[in-house]
């Protein structure tokens, strides 16, 4: 998995139904209300989000299922996908 620009991460979280819920320093908090509760992800507002940080954010958001394999497969084909909704 390669680093992704913050704007791309933000765009994809919003496409998945997350909204900005607040900011502390250089970190934005995104939230999504589900029947089972609220899911949150805190993303650093850096130029690029490091791969380990991105994996952690996806896990927080509950989006980490088969996503890692999808990302790795798309990168090997030269595509830069994040997740699709």
C-alpha atoms as a PDB file:
ATOM      1  CA  UNK A   1       0.000   0.000   0.000  1.00  0.00           C
ATOM      2  CA  UNK A   2       1.349   3.425  -0.919  1.00  0.00           C
ATOM      3  CA  UNK A   3       0.780   6.726   0.888  1.00  0.00           C
ATOM      4  CA  UNK A   4      -2.323   8.591  -0.292  1.00  0.00           C
ATOM      5  CA  UNK A   5      -2.903  12.345  -0.356  1.00  0.00           C
ATOM      6  CA  UNK A   6      -5.089  13.605   2.503  1.00  0.00           C
ATOM      7  CA  UNK A   7      -7.604  15.064   0.040  1.00  0.00           C
ATOM      8  CA  UNK A   8      -8.103  11.619  -1.516  1.00  0.00           C
ATOM      9  CA  UNK A   9      -8.617   9.963   1.886  1.00  0.00           C
ATOM     10  CA  UNK A  10     -11.110  12.682   2.875  1.00  0.00           C
ATOM     11  CA  UNK A  11     -13.000  12.381  -0.426  1.00  0.00           C
ATOM     12  CA  UNK A  12     -13.308   8.603  -0.088  1.00  0.00           C
ATOM     13  CA  UNK A  13     -14.438   8.713   3.560  1.00  0.00           C
ATOM     14  CA  UNK A  14     -17.098  11.262   2.636  1.00  0.00           C
ATOM     15  CA  UNK A  15     -18.203   9.063  -0.284  1.00  0.00           C
ATOM     16  CA  UNK A  16     -18.589   6.205   2.224  1.00  0.00           C
ATOM     17  CA  UNK A  17     -20.997   8.330   4.277  1.00  0.00           C
ATOM     18  CA  UNK A  18     -18.602   9.837   6.847  1.00  0.00           C
ATOM     19  CA  UNK A  19     -18.814  13.512   7.780  1.00  0.00           C
ATOM     20  CA  UNK A  20     -16.325  15.808   9.476  1.00  0.00           C
ATOM     21  CA  UNK A  21     -17.046  15.758  13.193  1.00  0.00           C
ATOM     22  CA  UNK A  22     -14.265  17.983  14.485  1.00  0.00           C
ATOM     23  CA  UNK A  23     -10.632  18.919  14.375  1.00  0.00           C
ATOM     24  CA  UNK A  24      -7.841  18.938  16.936  1.00  0.00           C
ATOM     25  CA  UNK A  25      -4.625  20.470  15.688  1.00  0.00           C
ATOM     26  CA  UNK A  26      -3.700  18.819  12.395  1.00  0.00           C
ATOM     27  CA  UNK A  27      -6.073  15.853  12.786  1.00  0.00           C
ATOM     28  CA  UNK A  28      -9.646  15.676  11.461  1.00  0.00           C
ATOM     29  CA  UNK A  29     -12.237  13.390  13.009  1.00  0.00           C
ATOM     30  CA  UNK A  30     -14.776  11.773  10.694  1.00  0.00           C
ATOM     31  CA  UNK A  31     -17.936  10.081  11.965  1.00  0.00           C
ATOM     32  CA  UNK A  32     -20.706   7.911  10.541  1.00  0.00           C
ATOM     33  CA  UNK A  33     -23.828   6.907  12.441  1.00  0.00           C
ATOM     34  CA  UNK A  34     -24.914   3.300  12.037  1.00  0.00           C
ATOM     35  CA  UNK A  35     -27.731   1.265  13.598  1.00  0.00           C
ATOM     36  CA  UNK A  36     -25.149  -0.411  15.832  1.00  0.00           C
ATOM     37  CA  UNK A  37     -23.563   2.895  16.931  1.00  0.00           C
ATOM     38  CA  UNK A  38     -21.161   5.501  15.628  1.00  0.00           C
ATOM     39  CA  UNK A  39     -17.962   4.742  13.728  1.00  0.00           C
ATOM     40  CA  UNK A  40     -15.160   7.294  13.820  1.00  0.00           C
ATOM     41  CA  UNK A  41     -11.811   7.703  12.109  1.00  0.00           C
ATOM     42  CA  UNK A  42      -9.177  10.286  12.977  1.00  0.00           C
ATOM     43  CA  UNK A  43      -7.039  11.237   9.980  1.00  0.00           C
ATOM     44  CA  UNK A  44      -3.926  13.438  10.068  1.00  0.00           C
ATOM     45  CA  UNK A  45      -4.274  16.451   7.794  1.00  0.00           C
ATOM     46  CA  UNK A  46      -0.835  15.920   6.262  1.00  0.00           C
ATOM     47  CA  UNK A  47       0.103  16.197   2.618  1.00  0.00           C
ATOM     48  CA  UNK A  48       0.195  12.378   2.444  1.00  0.00           C
ATOM     49  CA  UNK A  49      -1.225   9.780   4.827  1.00  0.00           C
ATOM     50  CA  UNK A  50       1.327   7.035   5.545  1.00  0.00           C
ATOM     51  CA  UNK A  51       0.344   3.428   4.752  1.00  0.00           C
ATOM     52  CA  UNK A  52       0.300   2.262   8.395  1.00  0.00           C
ATOM     53  CA  UNK A  53      -1.778   5.261   9.407  1.00  0.00           C
ATOM     54  CA  UNK A  54      -4.160   4.625   6.517  1.00  0.00           C
ATOM     55  CA  UNK A  55      -4.622   0.973   7.559  1.00  0.00           C
ATOM     56  CA  UNK A  56      -5.345   2.105  11.118  1.00  0.00           C
ATOM     57  CA  UNK A  57      -7.872   4.689   9.888  1.00  0.00           C
ATOM     58  CA  UNK A  58      -9.646   2.073   7.779  1.00  0.00           C
ATOM     59  CA  UNK A  59      -9.798  -0.288  10.754  1.00  0.00           C
ATOM     60  CA  UNK A  60     -11.254   2.500  12.943  1.00  0.00           C
ATOM     61  CA  UNK A  61     -13.848   3.238  10.287  1.00  0.00           C
ATOM     62  CA  UNK A  62     -14.788  -0.432   9.960  1.00  0.00           C
ATOM     63  CA  UNK A  63     -13.719  -0.495   6.316  1.00  0.00           C
ATOM     64  CA  UNK A  64     -10.734  -2.832   6.521  1.00  0.00           C
ATOM     65  CA  UNK A  65     -12.385  -6.141   5.458  1.00  0.00           C
ATOM     66  CA  UNK A  66     -11.009  -7.188   2.053  1.00  0.00           C
ATOM     67  CA  UNK A  67      -9.953  -3.644   1.315  1.00  0.00           C
ATOM     68  CA  UNK A  68      -6.220  -4.179   1.755  1.00  0.00           C
ATOM     69  CA  UNK A  69      -6.169  -6.885  -0.931  1.00  0.00           C
ATOM     70  CA  UNK A  70      -8.178  -4.667  -3.268  1.00  0.00           C
ATOM     71  CA  UNK A  71      -5.681  -1.836  -2.787  1.00  0.00           C
ATOM     72  CA  UNK A  72      -2.665  -4.077  -3.319  1.00  0.00           C
ATOM     73  CA  UNK A  73      -4.184  -5.635  -6.451  1.00  0.00           C
ATOM     74  CA  UNK A  74      -5.118  -2.265  -7.956  1.00  0.00           C
ATOM     75  CA  UNK A  75      -1.620  -0.893  -7.274  1.00  0.00           C
ATOM     76  CA  UNK A  76      -0.024  -3.863  -9.043  1.00  0.00           C
ATOM     77  CA  UNK A  77      -2.165  -2.996 -12.098  1.00  0.00           C
ATOM     78  CA  UNK A  78      -1.023   0.634 -11.944  1.00  0.00           C
ATOM     79  CA  UNK A  79      -4.350   1.916 -10.646  1.00  0.00           C
ATOM     80  CA  UNK A  80      -4.714   4.012  -7.542  1.00  0.00           C
ATOM     81  CA  UNK A  81      -8.009   2.981  -5.952  1.00  0.00           C
ATOM     82  CA  UNK A  82      -9.000   3.473  -2.369  1.00  0.00           C
ATOM     83  CA  UNK A  83     -12.403   1.878  -1.982  1.00  0.00           C
ATOM     84  CA  UNK A  84     -15.592   1.926  -3.961  1.00  0.00           C
ATOM     85  CA  UNK A  85     -19.123   2.773  -2.860  1.00  0.00           C
END
